[in-house]
N, C-alpha and C. Protein backbone atom coordinates (compact mmCIF):
# COMPACT_ATOMS: atom_id res chain seq x y z
N LYS A 1 0.84 -1.17 0.00
CA LYS A 1 0.00 0.00 0.00
C LYS A 1 0.88 1.23 0.00
N GLU A 2 0.45 2.25 -0.70
CA GLU A 2 1.21 3.49 -0.77
C GLU A 2 0.76 4.42 0.34
N SER A 3 1.67 5.27 0.77
CA SER A 3 1.34 6.21 1.84
C SER A 3 0.52 7.36 1.29
N ASP A 4 -0.19 8.01 2.17
CA ASP A 4 -0.83 9.28 1.85
C ASP A 4 0.30 10.28 1.63
N LYS A 5 0.22 11.09 0.59
CA LYS A 5 1.32 11.98 0.25
C LYS A 5 1.68 12.96 1.36
N LYS A 6 0.74 13.27 2.25
CA LYS A 6 1.07 14.22 3.32
C LYS A 6 2.06 13.64 4.32
N TYR A 7 2.23 12.32 4.32
CA TYR A 7 3.18 11.68 5.22
C TYR A 7 4.48 11.32 4.51
N GLY A 8 4.64 11.72 3.27
CA GLY A 8 5.84 11.39 2.52
C GLY A 8 5.57 10.23 1.57
N ASN A 9 6.52 9.97 0.72
CA ASN A 9 6.38 8.90 -0.27
C ASN A 9 6.96 7.61 0.27
N CYS A 10 6.09 6.63 0.47
CA CYS A 10 6.58 5.32 0.86
C CYS A 10 5.62 4.25 0.38
N ILE A 11 6.15 3.07 0.22
CA ILE A 11 5.35 1.89 -0.11
C ILE A 11 5.58 0.90 1.02
N THR A 12 4.48 0.41 1.58
CA THR A 12 4.57 -0.61 2.62
C THR A 12 4.01 -1.91 2.06
N LEU A 13 4.80 -2.96 2.12
CA LEU A 13 4.39 -4.26 1.60
C LEU A 13 4.18 -5.23 2.76
N ASP A 14 3.03 -5.89 2.76
CA ASP A 14 2.77 -6.98 3.71
C ASP A 14 3.16 -8.27 3.02
N LEU A 15 4.18 -8.93 3.52
CA LEU A 15 4.76 -10.09 2.84
C LEU A 15 4.70 -11.34 3.71
N ASN A 16 4.54 -12.47 3.03
CA ASN A 16 4.73 -13.78 3.64
C ASN A 16 5.93 -14.37 2.92
N ILE A 17 7.04 -14.47 3.63
CA ILE A 17 8.30 -14.91 3.02
C ILE A 17 8.66 -16.29 3.54
N SER A 18 8.93 -17.19 2.60
CA SER A 18 9.35 -18.54 2.94
C SER A 18 10.73 -18.77 2.32
N ASN A 19 11.71 -19.08 3.15
CA ASN A 19 13.06 -19.33 2.65
C ASN A 19 13.18 -20.81 2.29
N ASN A 20 13.01 -21.09 1.01
CA ASN A 20 13.10 -22.46 0.51
C ASN A 20 14.49 -22.81 0.00
N SER A 21 15.46 -21.97 0.29
CA SER A 21 16.82 -22.22 -0.18
C SER A 21 17.62 -22.97 0.90
N ASN A 22 18.87 -23.25 0.57
CA ASN A 22 19.77 -23.90 1.52
C ASN A 22 20.65 -22.91 2.26
N THR A 23 20.45 -21.62 2.00
CA THR A 23 21.27 -20.58 2.62
C THR A 23 20.39 -19.57 3.35
N ASN A 24 21.00 -18.78 4.21
CA ASN A 24 20.26 -17.74 4.92
C ASN A 24 19.79 -16.67 3.94
N LEU A 25 18.67 -16.05 4.26
CA LEU A 25 18.10 -14.98 3.45
C LEU A 25 18.02 -13.73 4.30
N ASN A 26 18.72 -12.69 3.88
CA ASN A 26 18.71 -11.42 4.60
C ASN A 26 17.65 -10.51 4.00
N LEU A 27 16.73 -10.03 4.82
CA LEU A 27 15.68 -9.16 4.31
C LEU A 27 16.24 -7.84 3.79
N SER A 28 17.43 -7.47 4.23
CA SER A 28 18.05 -6.25 3.71
C SER A 28 18.45 -6.40 2.24
N ASP A 29 18.40 -7.63 1.70
CA ASP A 29 18.67 -7.86 0.28
C ASP A 29 17.42 -7.68 -0.57
N LEU A 30 16.27 -7.40 0.06
CA LEU A 30 15.05 -7.07 -0.68
C LEU A 30 15.09 -5.58 -1.00
N VAL A 31 14.89 -5.22 -2.26
CA VAL A 31 14.92 -3.82 -2.67
C VAL A 31 13.79 -3.56 -3.66
N LEU A 32 13.47 -2.28 -3.82
CA LEU A 32 12.59 -1.85 -4.90
C LEU A 32 13.47 -1.27 -5.99
N ILE A 33 13.17 -1.63 -7.23
CA ILE A 33 13.93 -1.12 -8.36
C ILE A 33 12.94 -0.52 -9.36
N SER A 34 13.32 0.61 -9.91
CA SER A 34 12.53 1.27 -10.94
C SER A 34 13.46 1.65 -12.08
N LYS A 35 12.96 1.55 -13.31
CA LYS A 35 13.78 1.97 -14.44
C LYS A 35 14.01 3.48 -14.42
N ASP A 36 13.19 4.20 -13.64
CA ASP A 36 13.32 5.65 -13.54
C ASP A 36 14.26 6.10 -12.42
N GLU A 37 14.76 5.16 -11.63
CA GLU A 37 15.65 5.47 -10.51
C GLU A 37 17.06 4.98 -10.84
N ILE A 38 18.04 5.66 -10.31
CA ILE A 38 19.43 5.25 -10.53
C ILE A 38 19.81 4.11 -9.58
N TYR A 39 19.38 4.21 -8.32
CA TYR A 39 19.78 3.25 -7.30
C TYR A 39 18.58 2.46 -6.78
N PRO A 40 18.81 1.25 -6.31
CA PRO A 40 17.71 0.50 -5.68
C PRO A 40 17.30 1.16 -4.36
N VAL A 41 16.05 0.94 -3.98
CA VAL A 41 15.52 1.48 -2.73
C VAL A 41 15.50 0.34 -1.71
N HIS A 42 16.28 0.48 -0.66
CA HIS A 42 16.35 -0.53 0.40
C HIS A 42 15.26 -0.29 1.43
N PRO A 43 14.90 -1.31 2.22
CA PRO A 43 13.89 -1.11 3.27
C PRO A 43 14.29 0.02 4.21
N ASP A 44 13.30 0.81 4.60
CA ASP A 44 13.53 1.91 5.52
C ASP A 44 13.39 1.38 6.95
N VAL A 45 14.49 1.38 7.68
CA VAL A 45 14.50 0.81 9.03
C VAL A 45 13.66 1.66 9.99
N ILE A 46 13.62 2.97 9.77
CA ILE A 46 12.81 3.82 10.65
C ILE A 46 11.33 3.48 10.48
N LEU A 47 10.88 3.31 9.24
CA LEU A 47 9.47 3.00 8.98
C LEU A 47 9.14 1.54 9.25
N SER A 48 10.08 0.64 9.00
CA SER A 48 9.82 -0.80 9.12
C SER A 48 10.20 -1.37 10.47
N GLY A 49 11.13 -0.72 11.15
CA GLY A 49 11.68 -1.29 12.38
C GLY A 49 12.84 -2.21 12.05
N ILE A 50 13.50 -2.69 13.08
CA ILE A 50 14.69 -3.52 12.86
C ILE A 50 14.35 -4.90 12.30
N SER A 51 13.07 -5.26 12.27
CA SER A 51 12.70 -6.55 11.67
C SER A 51 13.04 -6.57 10.18
N ALA A 52 13.18 -5.39 9.56
CA ALA A 52 13.56 -5.33 8.15
C ALA A 52 14.99 -5.80 7.93
N LEU A 53 15.75 -5.95 9.01
CA LEU A 53 17.13 -6.43 8.92
C LEU A 53 17.26 -7.91 9.28
N LYS A 54 16.13 -8.56 9.51
CA LYS A 54 16.11 -9.95 9.96
C LYS A 54 16.73 -10.89 8.92
N THR A 55 17.30 -11.97 9.41
CA THR A 55 17.83 -13.04 8.56
C THR A 55 16.97 -14.28 8.75
N LEU A 56 16.49 -14.85 7.65
CA LEU A 56 15.70 -16.08 7.70
C LEU A 56 16.61 -17.26 7.42
N GLU A 57 16.55 -18.24 8.28
CA GLU A 57 17.31 -19.47 8.07
C GLU A 57 16.56 -20.36 7.08
N PRO A 58 17.25 -21.33 6.46
CA PRO A 58 16.58 -22.23 5.53
C PRO A 58 15.35 -22.88 6.18
N GLY A 59 14.24 -22.87 5.45
CA GLY A 59 13.00 -23.46 5.94
C GLY A 59 12.15 -22.53 6.79
N GLU A 60 12.68 -21.37 7.17
CA GLU A 60 11.94 -20.44 8.02
C GLU A 60 10.91 -19.66 7.20
N VAL A 61 9.76 -19.38 7.83
CA VAL A 61 8.68 -18.61 7.21
C VAL A 61 8.41 -17.40 8.09
N LEU A 62 8.12 -16.25 7.45
CA LEU A 62 7.91 -15.02 8.20
C LEU A 62 6.83 -14.17 7.55
N ASP A 63 5.89 -13.66 8.35
CA ASP A 63 4.94 -12.64 7.92
C ASP A 63 5.47 -11.31 8.42
N ILE A 64 5.58 -10.33 7.51
CA ILE A 64 6.21 -9.06 7.88
C ILE A 64 5.68 -7.93 7.01
N SER A 65 5.67 -6.74 7.56
CA SER A 65 5.41 -5.52 6.80
C SER A 65 6.73 -4.79 6.65
N ILE A 66 7.08 -4.45 5.42
CA ILE A 66 8.32 -3.74 5.15
C ILE A 66 7.98 -2.47 4.38
N ALA A 67 8.54 -1.35 4.83
CA ALA A 67 8.29 -0.06 4.19
C ALA A 67 9.54 0.41 3.44
N PHE A 68 9.29 1.03 2.30
CA PHE A 68 10.35 1.59 1.47
C PHE A 68 10.04 3.06 1.22
N ALA A 69 10.99 3.95 1.50
CA ALA A 69 10.82 5.37 1.20
C ALA A 69 11.18 5.57 -0.28
N ILE A 70 10.19 5.99 -1.07
CA ILE A 70 10.39 6.11 -2.51
C ILE A 70 10.46 7.57 -2.93
N THR A 71 10.96 7.80 -4.14
CA THR A 71 11.10 9.15 -4.66
C THR A 71 9.82 9.67 -5.26
N ASN A 72 9.11 8.82 -6.00
CA ASN A 72 7.97 9.29 -6.76
C ASN A 72 6.92 8.20 -6.87
N HIS A 73 5.68 8.53 -6.53
CA HIS A 73 4.58 7.56 -6.64
C HIS A 73 4.27 7.19 -8.09
N LYS A 74 4.71 8.02 -9.03
CA LYS A 74 4.38 7.77 -10.43
C LYS A 74 5.27 6.71 -11.07
N TYR A 75 6.37 6.37 -10.42
CA TYR A 75 7.28 5.37 -10.97
C TYR A 75 6.72 3.97 -10.77
N ASP A 76 7.04 3.09 -11.70
CA ASP A 76 6.72 1.67 -11.54
C ASP A 76 7.89 0.99 -10.84
N TYR A 77 7.58 0.19 -9.84
CA TYR A 77 8.62 -0.48 -9.06
C TYR A 77 8.48 -2.00 -9.15
N ASP A 78 9.60 -2.68 -9.03
CA ASP A 78 9.65 -4.13 -8.90
C ASP A 78 10.27 -4.44 -7.55
N LEU A 79 9.73 -5.46 -6.88
CA LEU A 79 10.35 -5.97 -5.66
C LEU A 79 11.38 -7.00 -6.10
N VAL A 80 12.62 -6.81 -5.69
CA VAL A 80 13.72 -7.65 -6.16
C VAL A 80 14.52 -8.18 -4.97
N LEU A 81 14.87 -9.45 -5.05
CA LEU A 81 15.80 -10.04 -4.09
C LEU A 81 17.16 -10.08 -4.78
N LEU A 82 18.13 -9.38 -4.18
CA LEU A 82 19.47 -9.31 -4.76
C LEU A 82 20.39 -10.34 -4.13
N ASP A 83 21.29 -10.89 -4.95
CA ASP A 83 22.35 -11.75 -4.44
C ASP A 83 23.35 -10.85 -3.71
N PRO A 84 23.62 -11.10 -2.43
CA PRO A 84 24.50 -10.20 -1.69
C PRO A 84 25.95 -10.21 -2.18
N LEU A 85 26.35 -11.22 -2.92
CA LEU A 85 27.74 -11.29 -3.38
C LEU A 85 28.01 -10.43 -4.60
N ASP A 86 27.06 -10.41 -5.55
CA ASP A 86 27.32 -9.67 -6.79
C ASP A 86 26.17 -8.74 -7.21
N ASN A 87 25.16 -8.60 -6.36
CA ASN A 87 24.01 -7.73 -6.62
C ASN A 87 23.21 -8.09 -7.86
N THR A 88 23.29 -9.34 -8.31
CA THR A 88 22.43 -9.77 -9.41
C THR A 88 21.04 -10.10 -8.85
N GLU A 89 20.04 -10.03 -9.72
CA GLU A 89 18.67 -10.30 -9.31
C GLU A 89 18.45 -11.81 -9.19
N ILE A 90 17.96 -12.24 -8.03
CA ILE A 90 17.60 -13.64 -7.83
C ILE A 90 16.15 -13.84 -8.23
N ILE A 91 15.30 -12.92 -7.81
CA ILE A 91 13.89 -12.96 -8.17
C ILE A 91 13.38 -11.53 -8.29
N LYS A 92 12.44 -11.32 -9.22
CA LYS A 92 11.87 -9.99 -9.46
C LYS A 92 10.35 -10.12 -9.55
N ILE A 93 9.64 -9.30 -8.76
CA ILE A 93 8.18 -9.32 -8.75
C ILE A 93 7.68 -7.92 -9.08
N PRO A 94 7.03 -7.74 -10.23
CA PRO A 94 6.49 -6.41 -10.55
C PRO A 94 5.39 -6.03 -9.57
N LEU A 95 5.41 -4.77 -9.13
CA LEU A 95 4.36 -4.26 -8.25
C LEU A 95 3.34 -3.53 -9.10
N ASN A 96 2.10 -3.93 -8.97
CA ASN A 96 1.02 -3.33 -9.73
C ASN A 96 0.63 -2.01 -9.08
N LYS A 97 0.84 -0.90 -9.81
CA LYS A 97 0.56 0.42 -9.25
C LYS A 97 -0.90 0.57 -8.85
N LYS A 98 -1.83 0.03 -9.65
CA LYS A 98 -3.25 0.14 -9.32
C LYS A 98 -3.57 -0.62 -8.04
N ALA A 99 -3.03 -1.81 -7.88
CA ALA A 99 -3.28 -2.59 -6.66
C ALA A 99 -2.72 -1.88 -5.44
N LEU A 100 -1.57 -1.23 -5.58
CA LEU A 100 -0.99 -0.49 -4.46
C LEU A 100 -1.88 0.68 -4.06
N SER A 101 -2.36 1.44 -5.05
CA SER A 101 -3.16 2.62 -4.72
C SER A 101 -4.54 2.24 -4.20
N ASP A 102 -5.07 1.08 -4.58
CA ASP A 102 -6.37 0.62 -4.08
C ASP A 102 -6.33 0.32 -2.59
N LYS A 103 -5.16 0.05 -2.04
CA LYS A 103 -5.04 -0.34 -0.64
C LYS A 103 -4.83 0.84 0.28
N ARG A 104 -4.84 2.05 -0.25
CA ARG A 104 -4.66 3.24 0.59
C ARG A 104 -5.75 3.36 1.59
């Protein structure tokens, strides 16, 4: 869901994350990427709390809300899990702008 503009630009995602890999998964490796932005947007620890820095062990499941401070509501964003070693995309999920604004 997107924030009301009077509180600043942010997107808060309610996620159910399941680590089905054999390695630890750091939530700090989740970012928002837009073709209109130069840099990825990392979770905002002030808005999300320190749970946004949590590490999931293999087989662990977590329900969490993570907030990202964004530059512009008009940009299209993808939720991306980056490989911490080389910053390549492991998985990319397009965020539907209409679905985000409907949840305001």
